[in-house]
Amino acid sequence: MKVLVTGGVRSGKSFHAESLLVAEPHVTYVAPGPEADVASDPEWAARVAIHRARRPAHWDTVETHDIAAAVRDSEGAILIDCLGTWLTAVIDELDGWDQLREDWEPVLIDRLGDAVEAIAKHDGTVVAVTNEVGMSVVPEHRSGRVFRDLLGIVNQRVAQECDDVLLVVAGRALRL
């Protein structure tokens, strides 16, 4: 079973995704976000601490930007939280915020393809969490527009491999 859980900021999407795996005997939690954010932003660090505290003790955590390798190297159920932070980390790594998109986007798309293939081939349950950013105004800054557009591509590619896609609004999940 492959599930994509999407929703706005603070919609309850991570909590809902975690609840889908609570009965699993083993879960690998893949945290692909930028490590620097945790160290430099006290609010971000507090949110990460809340997420960690609510996870069962038998869940393993893997912090990496290489989603494909993490999925290939894991057995049992996998929770990827979140694709938006993964995208930010990869754009950071490729210096994409300050470069021409066509110079680095092919590398991003290749990494996305590897991740999607790994998810599709994984024998166990995979639940991926992502942000839904396409239902708002057009961002004022280039970086916001690039992020929004690329996350839309990421979400569509992952959703194509999923058996189920859930939209979480105000803590309620709607099957799409």
N, C-alpha and C. Protein backbone atom coordinates (compact mmCIF):
# COMPACT_ATOMS: atom_id res chain seq x y z
N MET A 1 0.84 -1.18 0.00
CA MET A 1 0.00 0.00 0.00
C MET A 1 0.88 1.24 0.00
N LYS A 2 0.61 2.17 -0.89
CA LYS A 2 1.32 3.44 -0.98
C LYS A 2 0.28 4.55 -0.81
N VAL A 3 0.57 5.49 0.08
CA VAL A 3 -0.38 6.57 0.39
C VAL A 3 0.37 7.90 0.39
N LEU A 4 -0.23 8.89 -0.25
CA LEU A 4 0.26 10.27 -0.18
C LEU A 4 -0.73 11.05 0.66
N VAL A 5 -0.21 11.72 1.69
CA VAL A 5 -1.04 12.55 2.58
C VAL A 5 -0.61 14.00 2.36
N THR A 6 -1.54 14.82 1.89
CA THR A 6 -1.24 16.21 1.60
C THR A 6 -2.17 17.12 2.39
N GLY A 7 -1.77 18.37 2.51
CA GLY A 7 -2.59 19.34 3.23
C GLY A 7 -1.79 20.60 3.48
N GLY A 8 -2.45 21.58 4.00
CA GLY A 8 -1.80 22.85 4.31
C GLY A 8 -0.96 22.76 5.57
N VAL A 9 -0.28 23.84 5.86
CA VAL A 9 0.53 23.93 7.07
C VAL A 9 -0.38 23.78 8.29
N ARG A 10 0.05 22.96 9.23
CA ARG A 10 -0.66 22.74 10.51
C ARG A 10 -2.07 22.17 10.30
N SER A 11 -2.26 21.43 9.22
CA SER A 11 -3.57 20.84 8.93
C SER A 11 -3.81 19.54 9.67
N GLY A 12 -2.75 18.95 10.21
CA GLY A 12 -2.86 17.65 10.86
C GLY A 12 -2.39 16.51 9.97
N LYS A 13 -1.76 16.83 8.87
CA LYS A 13 -1.35 15.80 7.90
C LYS A 13 -0.31 14.84 8.48
N SER A 14 0.66 15.33 9.21
CA SER A 14 1.68 14.43 9.78
C SER A 14 1.07 13.50 10.82
N PHE A 15 0.24 14.05 11.67
CA PHE A 15 -0.42 13.23 12.69
C PHE A 15 -1.27 12.15 12.02
N HIS A 16 -2.00 12.53 10.98
CA HIS A 16 -2.84 11.54 10.28
C HIS A 16 -1.96 10.47 9.63
N ALA A 17 -0.88 10.88 8.99
CA ALA A 17 0.02 9.92 8.35
C ALA A 17 0.59 8.94 9.38
N GLU A 18 0.99 9.45 10.52
CA GLU A 18 1.50 8.59 11.58
C GLU A 18 0.44 7.60 12.05
N SER A 19 -0.80 8.05 12.13
CA SER A 19 -1.88 7.16 12.60
C SER A 19 -2.13 6.01 11.64
N LEU A 20 -1.78 6.18 10.37
CA LEU A 20 -1.96 5.10 9.39
C LEU A 20 -0.98 3.95 9.63
N LEU A 21 0.09 4.22 10.37
CA LEU A 21 1.14 3.22 10.57
C LEU A 21 1.25 2.74 12.00
N VAL A 22 0.37 3.16 12.86
CA VAL A 22 0.49 2.88 14.29
C VAL A 22 0.49 1.37 14.60
N ALA A 23 -0.16 0.56 13.80
CA ALA A 23 -0.22 -0.88 14.04
C ALA A 23 0.94 -1.65 13.41
N GLU A 24 1.77 -0.97 12.67
CA GLU A 24 2.90 -1.64 12.00
C GLU A 24 3.96 -2.04 13.02
N PRO A 25 4.51 -3.26 12.90
CA PRO A 25 5.52 -3.70 13.86
C PRO A 25 6.85 -2.96 13.73
N HIS A 26 7.15 -2.48 12.53
CA HIS A 26 8.40 -1.73 12.34
C HIS A 26 8.14 -0.62 11.33
N VAL A 27 8.56 0.59 11.68
CA VAL A 27 8.42 1.74 10.79
C VAL A 27 9.75 2.47 10.72
N THR A 28 10.15 2.80 9.50
CA THR A 28 11.29 3.69 9.30
C THR A 28 10.74 5.06 8.96
N TYR A 29 11.07 6.03 9.79
CA TYR A 29 10.63 7.41 9.59
C TYR A 29 11.75 8.14 8.87
N VAL A 30 11.50 8.53 7.62
CA VAL A 30 12.50 9.23 6.82
C VAL A 30 12.23 10.72 6.94
N ALA A 31 13.20 11.43 7.52
CA ALA A 31 13.11 12.88 7.73
C ALA A 31 14.08 13.55 6.77
N PRO A 32 13.57 14.04 5.61
CA PRO A 32 14.48 14.56 4.59
C PRO A 32 14.70 16.06 4.60
N GLY A 33 14.39 16.74 5.68
CA GLY A 33 14.48 18.20 5.70
C GLY A 33 15.89 18.71 5.89
N PRO A 34 16.06 20.00 5.66
CA PRO A 34 17.37 20.62 5.84
C PRO A 34 17.79 20.62 7.31
N GLU A 35 18.93 20.01 7.60
CA GLU A 35 19.40 19.90 8.99
C GLU A 35 19.66 21.28 9.60
N ALA A 36 20.10 22.22 8.80
CA ALA A 36 20.45 23.54 9.33
C ALA A 36 19.25 24.23 9.97
N ASP A 37 18.06 23.97 9.47
CA ASP A 37 16.88 24.62 10.02
C ASP A 37 16.67 24.29 11.49
N VAL A 38 16.93 23.04 11.86
CA VAL A 38 16.71 22.62 13.24
C VAL A 38 17.67 23.36 14.17
N ALA A 39 18.91 23.50 13.76
CA ALA A 39 19.91 24.15 14.60
C ALA A 39 19.72 25.66 14.69
N SER A 40 19.25 26.26 13.60
CA SER A 40 19.22 27.72 13.56
C SER A 40 17.86 28.34 13.88
N ASP A 41 16.82 27.55 13.94
CA ASP A 41 15.47 28.10 14.12
C ASP A 41 14.80 27.43 15.31
N PRO A 42 14.70 28.11 16.44
CA PRO A 42 14.11 27.50 17.64
C PRO A 42 12.67 27.02 17.43
N GLU A 43 11.89 27.74 16.64
CA GLU A 43 10.51 27.31 16.38
C GLU A 43 10.49 26.00 15.60
N TRP A 44 11.34 25.91 14.59
CA TRP A 44 11.43 24.68 13.80
C TRP A 44 11.90 23.52 14.70
N ALA A 45 12.90 23.78 15.54
CA ALA A 45 13.41 22.75 16.44
C ALA A 45 12.32 22.26 17.38
N ALA A 46 11.47 23.16 17.87
CA ALA A 46 10.37 22.77 18.76
C ALA A 46 9.37 21.89 18.03
N ARG A 47 9.05 22.23 16.77
CA ARG A 47 8.11 21.41 15.98
C ARG A 47 8.68 20.02 15.75
N VAL A 48 9.99 19.94 15.44
CA VAL A 48 10.63 18.64 15.24
C VAL A 48 10.56 17.82 16.53
N ALA A 49 10.80 18.46 17.66
CA ALA A 49 10.75 17.76 18.95
C ALA A 49 9.36 17.20 19.24
N ILE A 50 8.33 17.95 18.90
CA ILE A 50 6.95 17.48 19.10
C ILE A 50 6.70 16.24 18.23
N HIS A 51 7.12 16.29 16.98
CA HIS A 51 6.95 15.14 16.08
C HIS A 51 7.68 13.91 16.63
N ARG A 52 8.91 14.10 17.08
CA ARG A 52 9.69 12.97 17.61
C ARG A 52 9.03 12.37 18.85
N ALA A 53 8.53 13.21 19.73
CA ALA A 53 7.94 12.75 20.99
C ALA A 53 6.68 11.91 20.76
N ARG A 54 5.95 12.18 19.70
CA ARG A 54 4.70 11.43 19.52
C ARG A 54 4.90 10.13 18.74
N ARG A 55 6.09 9.90 18.19
CA ARG A 55 6.36 8.65 17.48
C ARG A 55 6.62 7.52 18.47
N PRO A 56 6.14 6.31 18.15
CA PRO A 56 6.44 5.16 19.01
C PRO A 56 7.94 4.90 19.10
N ALA A 57 8.36 4.36 20.22
CA ALA A 57 9.79 4.13 20.46
C ALA A 57 10.41 3.14 19.48
N HIS A 58 9.61 2.22 18.94
CA HIS A 58 10.17 1.21 18.04
C HIS A 58 10.33 1.70 16.60
N TRP A 59 9.99 2.95 16.33
CA TRP A 59 10.21 3.51 15.00
C TRP A 59 11.65 3.98 14.87
N ASP A 60 12.28 3.65 13.76
CA ASP A 60 13.63 4.13 13.48
C ASP A 60 13.53 5.43 12.69
N THR A 61 14.44 6.35 12.95
CA THR A 61 14.47 7.61 12.21
C THR A 61 15.72 7.65 11.36
N VAL A 62 15.54 8.01 10.09
CA VAL A 62 16.65 8.19 9.16
C VAL A 62 16.55 9.62 8.64
N GLU A 63 17.58 10.41 8.91
CA GLU A 63 17.62 11.79 8.43
C GLU A 63 18.53 11.83 7.21
N THR A 64 17.93 12.06 6.04
CA THR A 64 18.69 12.07 4.80
C THR A 64 17.93 12.80 3.70
N HIS A 65 18.68 13.33 2.75
CA HIS A 65 18.07 13.92 1.56
C HIS A 65 17.90 12.88 0.47
N ASP A 66 18.52 11.72 0.65
CA ASP A 66 18.45 10.66 -0.37
C ASP A 66 17.28 9.73 -0.05
N ILE A 67 16.09 10.17 -0.43
CA ILE A 67 14.88 9.39 -0.17
C ILE A 67 14.97 8.02 -0.82
N ALA A 68 15.45 7.97 -2.05
CA ALA A 68 15.52 6.70 -2.78
C ALA A 68 16.35 5.68 -2.00
N ALA A 69 17.53 6.07 -1.54
CA ALA A 69 18.38 5.14 -0.79
C ALA A 69 17.73 4.74 0.53
N ALA A 70 17.11 5.69 1.22
CA ALA A 70 16.46 5.37 2.48
C ALA A 70 15.35 4.35 2.29
N VAL A 71 14.57 4.51 1.23
CA VAL A 71 13.48 3.57 0.96
C VAL A 71 14.05 2.20 0.58
N ARG A 72 15.05 2.20 -0.30
CA ARG A 72 15.66 0.91 -0.72
C ARG A 72 16.30 0.17 0.45
N ASP A 73 16.87 0.92 1.40
CA ASP A 73 17.59 0.31 2.52
C ASP A 73 16.69 -0.07 3.70
N SER A 74 15.40 0.22 3.60
CA SER A 74 14.49 -0.02 4.73
C SER A 74 13.59 -1.22 4.46
N GLU A 75 13.26 -1.89 5.54
CA GLU A 75 12.29 -2.99 5.48
C GLU A 75 11.05 -2.56 6.25
N GLY A 76 9.93 -3.18 5.91
CA GLY A 76 8.69 -2.85 6.61
C GLY A 76 8.11 -1.54 6.13
N ALA A 77 7.32 -0.93 6.98
CA ALA A 77 6.62 0.31 6.63
C ALA A 77 7.58 1.50 6.69
N ILE A 78 7.28 2.47 5.84
CA ILE A 78 8.09 3.69 5.77
C ILE A 78 7.17 4.90 5.81
N LEU A 79 7.58 5.91 6.57
CA LEU A 79 6.90 7.20 6.59
C LEU A 79 7.90 8.25 6.15
N ILE A 80 7.60 8.97 5.08
CA ILE A 80 8.45 10.05 4.59
C ILE A 80 7.75 11.35 4.96
N ASP A 81 8.39 12.16 5.79
CA ASP A 81 7.76 13.40 6.25
C ASP A 81 8.82 14.51 6.27
N CYS A 82 8.87 15.33 5.25
CA CYS A 82 7.88 15.56 4.24
C CYS A 82 8.56 15.89 2.91
N LEU A 83 7.81 15.73 1.83
CA LEU A 83 8.35 15.98 0.50
C LEU A 83 8.67 17.46 0.28
N GLY A 84 7.95 18.33 0.94
CA GLY A 84 8.24 19.77 0.83
C GLY A 84 9.59 20.12 1.44
N THR A 85 9.91 19.53 2.58
CA THR A 85 11.22 19.80 3.18
C THR A 85 12.32 19.13 2.37
N TRP A 86 12.01 17.96 1.77
CA TRP A 86 12.98 17.31 0.88
C TRP A 86 13.29 18.23 -0.30
N LEU A 87 12.26 18.77 -0.93
CA LEU A 87 12.45 19.65 -2.07
C LEU A 87 13.30 20.86 -1.68
N THR A 88 13.00 21.46 -0.55
CA THR A 88 13.79 22.61 -0.08
C THR A 88 15.25 22.22 0.10
N ALA A 89 15.50 21.08 0.71
CA ALA A 89 16.87 20.62 0.94
C ALA A 89 17.62 20.38 -0.37
N VAL A 90 16.95 19.80 -1.35
CA VAL A 90 17.60 19.52 -2.63
C VAL A 90 17.87 20.83 -3.38
N ILE A 91 16.92 21.75 -3.38
CA ILE A 91 17.15 23.05 -4.03
C ILE A 91 18.30 23.76 -3.35
N ASP A 92 18.36 23.70 -2.01
CA ASP A 92 19.49 24.29 -1.27
C ASP A 92 20.80 23.67 -1.73
N GLU A 93 20.83 22.34 -1.77
CA GLU A 93 22.05 21.62 -2.13
C GLU A 93 22.51 21.98 -3.55
N LEU A 94 21.57 22.16 -4.46
CA LEU A 94 21.90 22.48 -5.86
C LEU A 94 22.08 23.98 -6.09
N ASP A 95 21.99 24.77 -5.03
CA ASP A 95 22.08 26.23 -5.10
C ASP A 95 21.06 26.79 -6.09
N GLY A 96 19.87 26.16 -6.08
CA GLY A 96 18.84 26.50 -7.04
C GLY A 96 18.15 27.82 -6.81
N TRP A 97 18.23 28.35 -5.63
CA TRP A 97 17.54 29.61 -5.35
C TRP A 97 18.18 30.76 -6.12
N ASP A 98 19.49 30.64 -6.39
CA ASP A 98 20.22 31.74 -7.03
C ASP A 98 20.69 31.41 -8.44
N GLN A 99 20.34 30.24 -8.95
CA GLN A 99 20.78 29.82 -10.28
C GLN A 99 19.59 29.74 -11.23
N LEU A 100 19.89 29.69 -12.51
CA LEU A 100 18.84 29.48 -13.49
C LEU A 100 18.23 28.09 -13.30
N ARG A 101 16.93 28.04 -13.31
CA ARG A 101 16.22 26.78 -13.05
C ARG A 101 16.65 25.68 -14.02
N GLU A 102 16.83 26.00 -15.29
CA GLU A 102 17.18 24.97 -16.27
C GLU A 102 18.58 24.40 -16.04
N ASP A 103 19.40 25.07 -15.24
CA ASP A 103 20.75 24.56 -14.95
C ASP A 103 20.75 23.45 -13.89
N TRP A 104 19.75 23.42 -13.01
CA TRP A 104 19.75 22.44 -11.93
C TRP A 104 18.50 21.57 -11.88
N GLU A 105 17.43 21.99 -12.51
CA GLU A 105 16.18 21.23 -12.44
C GLU A 105 16.31 19.79 -12.96
N PRO A 106 17.09 19.52 -14.03
CA PRO A 106 17.22 18.13 -14.47
C PRO A 106 17.77 17.19 -13.39
N VAL A 107 18.68 17.70 -12.57
CA VAL A 107 19.21 16.88 -11.46
C VAL A 107 18.11 16.59 -10.45
N LEU A 108 17.33 17.60 -10.14
CA LEU A 108 16.20 17.42 -9.23
C LEU A 108 15.21 16.39 -9.77
N ILE A 109 14.88 16.49 -11.03
CA ILE A 109 13.91 15.57 -11.64
C ILE A 109 14.46 14.15 -11.65
N ASP A 110 15.76 13.98 -11.86
CA ASP A 110 16.37 12.64 -11.78
C ASP A 110 16.25 12.08 -10.37
N ARG A 111 16.53 12.90 -9.36
CA ARG A 111 16.42 12.44 -7.97
C ARG A 111 14.97 12.10 -7.62
N LEU A 112 14.04 12.89 -8.12
CA LEU A 112 12.63 12.60 -7.92
C LEU A 112 12.28 11.27 -8.56
N GLY A 113 12.75 11.04 -9.78
CA GLY A 113 12.49 9.78 -10.46
C GLY A 113 13.02 8.59 -9.68
N ASP A 114 14.23 8.72 -9.12
CA ASP A 114 14.80 7.65 -8.30
C ASP A 114 13.94 7.39 -7.07
N ALA A 115 13.49 8.46 -6.43
CA ALA A 115 12.67 8.31 -5.22
C ALA A 115 11.34 7.65 -5.55
N VAL A 116 10.70 8.08 -6.63
CA VAL A 116 9.41 7.52 -7.02
C VAL A 116 9.57 6.04 -7.37
N GLU A 117 10.63 5.70 -8.07
CA GLU A 117 10.88 4.29 -8.42
C GLU A 117 11.08 3.45 -7.16
N ALA A 118 11.84 3.96 -6.20
CA ALA A 118 12.08 3.23 -4.95
C ALA A 118 10.78 3.03 -4.19
N ILE A 119 9.95 4.06 -4.15
CA ILE A 119 8.65 3.94 -3.47
C ILE A 119 7.79 2.88 -4.15
N ALA A 120 7.74 2.93 -5.48
CA ALA A 120 6.92 1.98 -6.23
C ALA A 120 7.36 0.54 -6.03
N LYS A 121 8.66 0.32 -5.90
CA LYS A 121 9.20 -1.05 -5.78
C LYS A 121 9.23 -1.58 -4.35
N HIS A 122 9.02 -0.71 -3.36
CA HIS A 122 9.10 -1.14 -1.96
C HIS A 122 7.97 -2.12 -1.65
N ASP A 123 8.32 -3.23 -1.00
CA ASP A 123 7.34 -4.28 -0.69
C ASP A 123 6.37 -3.90 0.42
N GLY A 124 6.78 -3.05 1.33
CA GLY A 124 5.92 -2.70 2.45
C GLY A 124 5.12 -1.44 2.19
N THR A 125 4.41 -1.04 3.21
CA THR A 125 3.61 0.18 3.15
C THR A 125 4.53 1.40 3.12
N VAL A 126 4.19 2.37 2.28
CA VAL A 126 4.89 3.66 2.26
C VAL A 126 3.84 4.76 2.37
N VAL A 127 4.03 5.62 3.35
CA VAL A 127 3.17 6.80 3.50
C VAL A 127 4.08 8.01 3.36
N ALA A 128 3.76 8.87 2.41
CA ALA A 128 4.52 10.10 2.20
C ALA A 128 3.65 11.30 2.54
N VAL A 129 4.23 12.26 3.22
CA VAL A 129 3.54 13.48 3.62
C VAL A 129 4.07 14.62 2.75
N THR A 130 3.18 15.51 2.33
CA THR A 130 3.60 16.65 1.55
C THR A 130 2.70 17.84 1.84
N ASN A 131 3.16 19.00 1.41
CA ASN A 131 2.37 20.22 1.55
C ASN A 131 1.56 20.45 0.29
N GLU A 132 0.38 20.99 0.46
CA GLU A 132 -0.44 21.41 -0.68
C GLU A 132 -0.31 22.92 -0.77
N VAL A 133 0.43 23.39 -1.77
CA VAL A 133 0.71 24.82 -1.87
C VAL A 133 0.10 25.46 -3.11
N GLY A 134 -0.63 24.71 -3.89
CA GLY A 134 -1.15 25.24 -5.13
C GLY A 134 -2.54 25.83 -5.04
N MET A 135 -3.07 26.05 -3.86
CA MET A 135 -4.44 26.53 -3.71
C MET A 135 -4.48 27.96 -3.18
N SER A 136 -3.42 28.70 -3.43
CA SER A 136 -3.32 30.02 -2.84
C SER A 136 -2.96 31.04 -3.91
N VAL A 137 -2.62 32.22 -3.48
CA VAL A 137 -2.21 33.26 -4.41
C VAL A 137 -0.84 32.91 -4.99
N VAL A 138 -0.51 33.52 -6.10
CA VAL A 138 0.81 33.34 -6.70
C VAL A 138 1.83 34.04 -5.80
N PRO A 139 2.87 33.31 -5.36
CA PRO A 139 3.86 33.94 -4.47
C PRO A 139 4.52 35.16 -5.12
N GLU A 140 4.81 36.13 -4.29
CA GLU A 140 5.40 37.38 -4.76
C GLU A 140 6.83 37.19 -5.26
N HIS A 141 7.59 36.33 -4.58
CA HIS A 141 9.01 36.17 -4.87
C HIS A 141 9.27 34.97 -5.76
N ARG A 142 10.32 35.07 -6.55
CA ARG A 142 10.70 33.99 -7.46
C ARG A 142 10.87 32.67 -6.73
N SER A 143 11.54 32.69 -5.58
CA SER A 143 11.78 31.45 -4.85
C SER A 143 10.47 30.76 -4.47
N GLY A 144 9.48 31.53 -4.08
CA GLY A 144 8.17 30.95 -3.73
C GLY A 144 7.48 30.35 -4.94
N ARG A 145 7.60 31.02 -6.08
CA ARG A 145 6.98 30.48 -7.31
C ARG A 145 7.68 29.21 -7.76
N VAL A 146 9.01 29.19 -7.70
CA VAL A 146 9.77 28.00 -8.07
C VAL A 146 9.40 26.84 -7.16
N PHE A 147 9.38 27.10 -5.86
CA PHE A 147 9.03 26.04 -4.90
C PHE A 147 7.63 25.50 -5.16
N ARG A 148 6.66 26.40 -5.30
CA ARG A 148 5.28 25.99 -5.53
C ARG A 148 5.16 25.14 -6.79
N ASP A 149 5.77 25.59 -7.87
CA ASP A 149 5.68 24.86 -9.14
C ASP A 149 6.33 23.49 -9.04
N LEU A 150 7.51 23.44 -8.46
CA LEU A 150 8.21 22.16 -8.36
C LEU A 150 7.54 21.20 -7.38
N LEU A 151 7.01 21.73 -6.28
CA LEU A 151 6.32 20.83 -5.35
C LEU A 151 5.07 20.25 -6.01
N GLY A 152 4.42 21.02 -6.87
CA GLY A 152 3.30 20.48 -7.63
C GLY A 152 3.72 19.30 -8.48
N ILE A 153 4.89 19.42 -9.12
CA ILE A 153 5.41 18.31 -9.93
C ILE A 153 5.74 17.12 -9.05
N VAL A 154 6.42 17.37 -7.93
CA VAL A 154 6.77 16.29 -6.99
C VAL A 154 5.51 15.57 -6.53
N ASN A 155 4.51 16.32 -6.11
CA ASN A 155 3.28 15.72 -5.59
C ASN A 155 2.58 14.88 -6.65
N GLN A 156 2.52 15.38 -7.88
CA GLN A 156 1.88 14.62 -8.95
C GLN A 156 2.61 13.32 -9.24
N ARG A 157 3.94 13.38 -9.30
CA ARG A 157 4.72 12.17 -9.60
C ARG A 157 4.56 11.12 -8.52
N VAL A 158 4.61 11.54 -7.25
CA VAL A 158 4.45 10.58 -6.16
C VAL A 158 3.02 10.04 -6.14
N ALA A 159 2.04 10.90 -6.33
CA ALA A 159 0.64 10.47 -6.33
C ALA A 159 0.36 9.42 -7.40
N GLN A 160 1.04 9.51 -8.54
CA GLN A 160 0.84 8.53 -9.61
C GLN A 160 1.18 7.11 -9.16
N GLU A 161 2.09 6.99 -8.21
CA GLU A 161 2.51 5.66 -7.72
C GLU A 161 1.73 5.21 -6.50
N CYS A 162 0.83 6.04 -6.01
CA CYS A 162 0.13 5.73 -4.77
C CYS A 162 -1.23 5.10 -5.04
N ASP A 163 -1.60 4.22 -4.11
CA ASP A 163 -2.92 3.59 -4.15
C ASP A 163 -3.98 4.54 -3.63
N ASP A 164 -3.56 5.47 -2.79
CA ASP A 164 -4.50 6.37 -2.15
C ASP A 164 -3.84 7.74 -1.97
N VAL A 165 -4.62 8.80 -2.13
CA VAL A 165 -4.17 10.16 -1.84
C VAL A 165 -5.20 10.78 -0.92
N LEU A 166 -4.72 11.32 0.20
CA LEU A 166 -5.60 11.92 1.20
C LEU A 166 -5.26 13.40 1.36
N LEU A 167 -6.29 14.22 1.40
CA LEU A 167 -6.14 15.64 1.67
C LEU A 167 -6.62 15.88 3.09
N VAL A 168 -5.75 16.43 3.93
CA VAL A 168 -6.10 16.69 5.32
C VAL A 168 -6.38 18.18 5.49
N VAL A 169 -7.57 18.48 5.99
CA VAL A 169 -8.01 19.85 6.26
C VAL A 169 -8.58 19.86 7.67
N ALA A 170 -8.07 20.74 8.52
CA ALA A 170 -8.56 20.87 9.89
C ALA A 170 -8.59 19.51 10.61
N GLY A 171 -7.57 18.71 10.38
CA GLY A 171 -7.45 17.42 11.04
C GLY A 171 -8.31 16.32 10.47
N ARG A 172 -9.06 16.61 9.42
CA ARG A 172 -9.94 15.62 8.78
C ARG A 172 -9.36 15.21 7.44
N ALA A 173 -9.34 13.92 7.17
CA ALA A 173 -8.80 13.41 5.92
C ALA A 173 -9.91 13.16 4.92
N LEU A 174 -9.68 13.66 3.71
CA LEU A 174 -10.61 13.46 2.61
C LEU A 174 -9.90 12.62 1.55
N ARG A 175 -10.51 11.53 1.15
CA ARG A 175 -9.93 10.68 0.11
C ARG A 175 -10.15 11.34 -1.25
N LEU A 176 -9.08 11.44 -2.03
CA LEU A 176 -9.20 12.05 -3.36
C LEU A 176 -9.29 10.98 -4.44
